[in-house]
Amino acid sequence: MRRSLIGNWARYGVVIGISAFAAWGTSAAPGTPDCVQVSAQAVYRNYGYDHLVSIANACQEGVVCVVSTNVNPEPQRVEVAPKERADVLTFRGSPSREFVPKVACRLASAAP
């Protein structure tokens, strides 16, 4: 009987661990080049959720992006080289896994 209880706890632990990681596809603001893909995810770590925004640049030149969220409205400026990806931590240890990313990117040659 003891083994089956441990086995059940192990299975539930795997389910809980998987559900603690959530990813959402998201769209960038109008004017962002089509070669830029944006995604957001909340990862459970250390008693709270880390809010991450990922920017994948498939463009032939670098891009400059401004990233914020509804949880952390302070904008962060991020430069992403051609054919590279950048992950932006917008909040560490949030009690909520839900957030709405706001991302606006421009080609580096067009950025002010």
Protein backbone atom coordinates (compact mmCIF):
# COMPACT_ATOMS: atom_id res chain seq x y z
CA MET A 1 0.00 0.00 0.00
CA ARG A 2 2.79 2.42 0.80
CA ARG A 3 4.31 2.11 -2.70
CA SER A 4 1.06 2.93 -4.45
CA LEU A 5 0.62 6.07 -2.32
CA ILE A 6 4.13 7.20 -3.16
CA GLY A 7 3.48 6.40 -6.82
CA ASN A 8 0.30 8.47 -6.77
CA TRP A 9 2.03 11.40 -5.08
CA ALA A 10 4.79 11.24 -7.69
CA ARG A 11 2.24 11.35 -10.51
CA TYR A 12 0.40 14.28 -8.93
CA GLY A 13 3.69 16.08 -8.40
CA VAL A 14 4.45 15.78 -12.11
CA VAL A 15 1.02 17.17 -13.01
CA ILE A 16 1.41 20.06 -10.57
CA GLY A 17 4.92 20.76 -11.86
CA ILE A 18 3.73 20.86 -15.46
CA SER A 19 0.76 23.09 -14.67
CA ALA A 20 3.01 25.59 -12.86
CA PHE A 21 4.60 26.46 -16.21
CA ALA A 22 2.27 28.30 -18.56
CA ALA A 23 3.03 29.82 -21.94
CA TRP A 24 0.92 32.05 -24.12
CA GLY A 25 1.45 33.25 -27.62
CA THR A 26 1.04 36.98 -27.89
CA SER A 27 1.15 39.61 -30.53
CA ALA A 28 3.34 42.66 -30.66
CA ALA A 29 2.08 46.20 -31.18
CA PRO A 30 1.21 47.45 -34.67
CA GLY A 31 4.33 48.57 -36.51
CA THR A 32 6.42 45.69 -35.19
CA PRO A 33 8.12 43.92 -38.13
CA ASP A 34 6.58 40.60 -39.19
CA CYS A 35 9.94 38.88 -38.65
CA VAL A 36 9.69 39.48 -34.87
CA GLN A 37 7.83 36.92 -32.76
CA VAL A 38 6.79 37.58 -29.18
CA SER A 39 5.73 35.09 -26.52
CA ALA A 40 5.08 35.29 -22.80
CA GLN A 41 5.24 32.75 -20.01
CA ALA A 42 4.91 32.55 -16.25
CA VAL A 43 7.30 30.14 -14.55
CA TYR A 44 6.75 29.11 -10.94
CA ARG A 45 9.94 29.51 -8.90
CA ASN A 46 10.65 30.12 -5.24
CA TYR A 47 7.06 30.63 -4.05
CA GLY A 48 5.99 32.91 -6.88
CA TYR A 49 5.72 33.30 -10.64
CA ASP A 50 8.41 34.89 -12.77
CA HIS A 51 6.89 36.76 -15.71
CA LEU A 52 9.01 36.35 -18.83
CA VAL A 53 8.59 37.89 -22.26
CA SER A 54 10.57 36.33 -25.14
CA ILE A 55 11.42 38.18 -28.33
CA ALA A 56 12.68 36.18 -31.32
CA ASN A 57 14.21 38.27 -34.10
CA ALA A 58 14.23 36.52 -37.48
CA CYS A 59 14.99 39.81 -39.27
CA GLN A 60 18.13 40.52 -41.28
CA GLU A 61 18.97 43.41 -38.94
CA GLY A 62 18.70 44.11 -35.25
CA VAL A 63 15.55 45.34 -33.55
CA VAL A 64 14.91 47.62 -30.59
CA CYS A 65 11.90 46.71 -28.45
CA VAL A 66 10.10 48.30 -25.54
CA VAL A 67 8.59 45.75 -23.16
CA SER A 68 6.12 46.28 -20.31
CA THR A 69 3.18 44.42 -18.79
CA ASN A 70 -0.04 45.20 -16.97
CA VAL A 71 1.71 44.01 -13.77
CA ASN A 72 4.90 46.02 -14.33
CA PRO A 73 4.10 49.04 -16.52
CA GLU A 74 7.64 50.45 -16.36
CA PRO A 75 9.05 50.03 -19.91
CA GLN A 76 12.28 48.14 -20.50
CA ARG A 77 14.31 48.80 -23.66
CA VAL A 78 15.76 45.67 -25.24
CA GLU A 79 18.02 45.32 -28.27
CA VAL A 80 17.88 41.99 -30.11
CA ALA A 81 20.53 41.15 -32.69
CA PRO A 82 19.60 39.62 -36.06
CA LYS A 83 18.63 35.94 -35.86
CA GLU A 84 18.80 36.06 -32.03
CA ARG A 85 16.35 35.80 -29.15
CA ALA A 86 16.08 37.75 -25.90
CA ASP A 87 14.18 36.87 -22.73
CA VAL A 88 13.02 39.76 -20.54
CA LEU A 89 12.16 39.20 -16.88
CA THR A 90 9.39 41.70 -16.16
CA PHE A 91 8.42 40.55 -12.66
CA ARG A 92 9.92 38.11 -10.15
CA GLY A 93 7.88 36.32 -7.49
CA SER A 94 4.39 37.38 -8.52
CA PRO A 95 1.49 35.75 -6.66
CA SER A 96 -0.35 35.54 -10.00
CA ARG A 97 0.68 33.68 -13.12
CA GLU A 98 -1.50 35.82 -15.35
CA PHE A 99 -0.16 38.95 -17.01
CA VAL A 100 -0.55 40.81 -20.28
CA PRO A 101 2.67 41.71 -22.11
CA LYS A 102 2.96 44.89 -24.16
CA VAL A 103 5.76 44.80 -26.73
CA ALA A 104 6.59 47.30 -29.47
CA CYS A 105 9.60 46.71 -31.74
CA ARG A 106 11.28 48.62 -34.56
CA LEU A 107 14.18 47.83 -36.81
CA ALA A 108 17.34 49.27 -35.26
CA SER A 109 17.88 51.46 -38.34
CA ALA A 110 14.44 53.06 -37.80
CA ALA A 111 14.68 53.44 -34.00
CA PRO A 112 15.21 56.96 -32.61
